[in-house]
């Protein structure tokens, strides 16, 4: 399924920085079919605060951005994002239509 698929509609996203992408990736433990997220609580709290701030800023500007991430960490990022912003879509980058008009509204 592809999201942000209408090429004429301008959609916004908030990017996941390489720092956080790497932090989530390195915090995955266990066999590939049963990965668990083992990230320090203070680090997780920091992520949630930055996420909330970025999305609140975008929301106050009338944006409803999505959060693209890589496939291996999507499930785990989504589980964290649901705690703070349950309605926020967390997408794998290839779910965004290639011709979609997107605007970066911020970065976490």
Protein backbone atom coordinates (compact mmCIF):
# COMPACT_ATOMS: atom_id res chain seq x y z
CA UNK A 1 0.00 0.00 0.00
CA UNK A 2 1.32 3.43 -0.89
CA UNK A 3 0.65 6.53 1.15
CA UNK A 4 1.12 10.14 0.16
CA UNK A 5 0.07 8.98 -3.27
CA UNK A 6 -1.61 12.01 -4.74
CA UNK A 7 1.02 13.74 -6.90
CA UNK A 8 -0.74 17.12 -6.87
CA UNK A 9 -1.31 17.32 -3.13
CA UNK A 10 1.49 18.75 -1.02
CA UNK A 11 2.11 16.50 1.97
CA UNK A 12 4.48 17.12 4.82
CA UNK A 13 6.80 14.86 6.72
CA UNK A 14 9.02 15.02 9.73
CA UNK A 15 12.23 13.15 9.13
CA UNK A 16 13.84 10.73 11.53
CA UNK A 17 17.46 11.81 11.90
CA UNK A 18 20.26 9.38 11.20
CA UNK A 19 21.15 9.60 14.90
CA UNK A 20 17.75 8.25 15.96
CA UNK A 21 17.59 5.76 13.09
CA UNK A 22 20.91 4.35 14.28
CA UNK A 23 19.88 4.43 17.94
CA UNK A 24 16.76 2.37 17.23
CA UNK A 25 18.65 0.02 14.95
CA UNK A 26 21.37 -0.64 17.53
CA UNK A 27 18.81 -1.13 20.30
CA UNK A 28 17.19 -4.10 18.54
CA UNK A 29 18.05 -7.40 20.20
CA UNK A 30 17.18 -11.02 19.61
CA UNK A 31 16.77 -13.17 16.53
CA UNK A 32 15.55 -11.46 13.33
CA UNK A 33 12.08 -13.01 13.54
CA UNK A 34 11.55 -11.83 17.15
CA UNK A 35 13.39 -8.53 17.58
CA UNK A 36 12.83 -6.55 20.77
CA UNK A 37 13.65 -2.91 21.42
CA UNK A 38 16.07 -2.52 24.34
CA UNK A 39 16.71 1.22 24.58
CA UNK A 40 17.55 3.09 27.76
CA UNK A 41 14.48 4.76 29.33
CA UNK A 42 16.19 8.17 29.45
CA UNK A 43 17.03 7.92 25.75
CA UNK A 44 13.46 6.89 24.94
CA UNK A 45 12.11 9.82 26.94
CA UNK A 46 14.42 12.16 25.04
CA UNK A 47 13.12 10.80 21.73
CA UNK A 48 9.49 11.20 22.78
CA UNK A 49 10.08 14.80 23.89
CA UNK A 50 11.76 15.70 20.60
CA UNK A 51 9.04 13.92 18.65
CA UNK A 52 6.29 15.72 20.54
CA UNK A 53 7.99 19.11 20.04
CA UNK A 54 8.50 18.59 16.30
CA UNK A 55 4.94 17.42 15.69
CA UNK A 56 3.41 20.12 17.92
CA UNK A 57 5.29 22.77 15.94
CA UNK A 58 4.06 21.30 12.65
CA UNK A 59 0.51 20.97 13.96
CA UNK A 60 0.43 24.59 15.08
CA UNK A 61 1.32 25.52 11.49
CA UNK A 62 -1.64 23.49 10.21
CA UNK A 63 0.43 20.52 9.05
CA UNK A 64 -0.39 16.85 9.56
CA UNK A 65 2.98 15.27 8.83
CA UNK A 66 3.98 11.64 8.64
CA UNK A 67 7.17 10.09 10.01
CA UNK A 68 9.15 8.05 7.45
CA UNK A 69 11.68 5.51 8.69
CA UNK A 70 13.51 2.43 7.48
CA UNK A 71 11.85 -0.98 7.37
CA UNK A 72 13.84 -2.74 10.09
CA UNK A 73 12.92 -0.21 12.79
CA UNK A 74 9.43 0.83 11.66
CA UNK A 75 7.48 -1.49 13.97
CA UNK A 76 9.47 -0.37 17.01
CA UNK A 77 9.38 3.34 16.14
CA UNK A 78 5.62 3.02 15.60
CA UNK A 79 5.19 1.42 19.04
CA UNK A 80 6.94 4.41 20.63
CA UNK A 81 5.13 7.02 18.52
CA UNK A 82 1.74 5.52 19.47
CA UNK A 83 2.38 6.48 23.10
CA UNK A 84 2.78 10.15 22.23
CA UNK A 85 0.80 10.66 19.01
CA UNK A 86 -1.45 7.67 18.28
CA UNK A 87 -2.83 9.07 15.01
CA UNK A 88 0.58 9.80 13.45
CA UNK A 89 1.43 7.58 10.48
CA UNK A 90 4.87 5.96 10.60
CA UNK A 91 5.80 4.87 7.09
CA UNK A 92 8.59 3.01 5.42
CA UNK A 93 10.16 5.32 2.88
CA UNK A 94 9.14 3.20 -0.11
CA UNK A 95 5.46 3.58 0.87
CA UNK A 96 5.63 7.19 -0.26
CA UNK A 97 4.63 7.56 -3.88
CA UNK A 98 7.65 8.55 -5.97
CA UNK A 99 5.84 11.54 -7.50
CA UNK A 100 4.24 12.77 -4.30
CA UNK A 101 4.87 16.42 -3.57
CA UNK A 102 6.32 16.48 -0.09
CA UNK A 103 7.60 19.18 2.17
CA UNK A 104 9.85 18.60 5.14
CA UNK A 105 8.20 20.12 8.18
CA UNK A 106 11.00 19.26 10.60
CA UNK A 107 13.24 16.54 11.93
CA UNK A 108 13.46 14.48 15.08
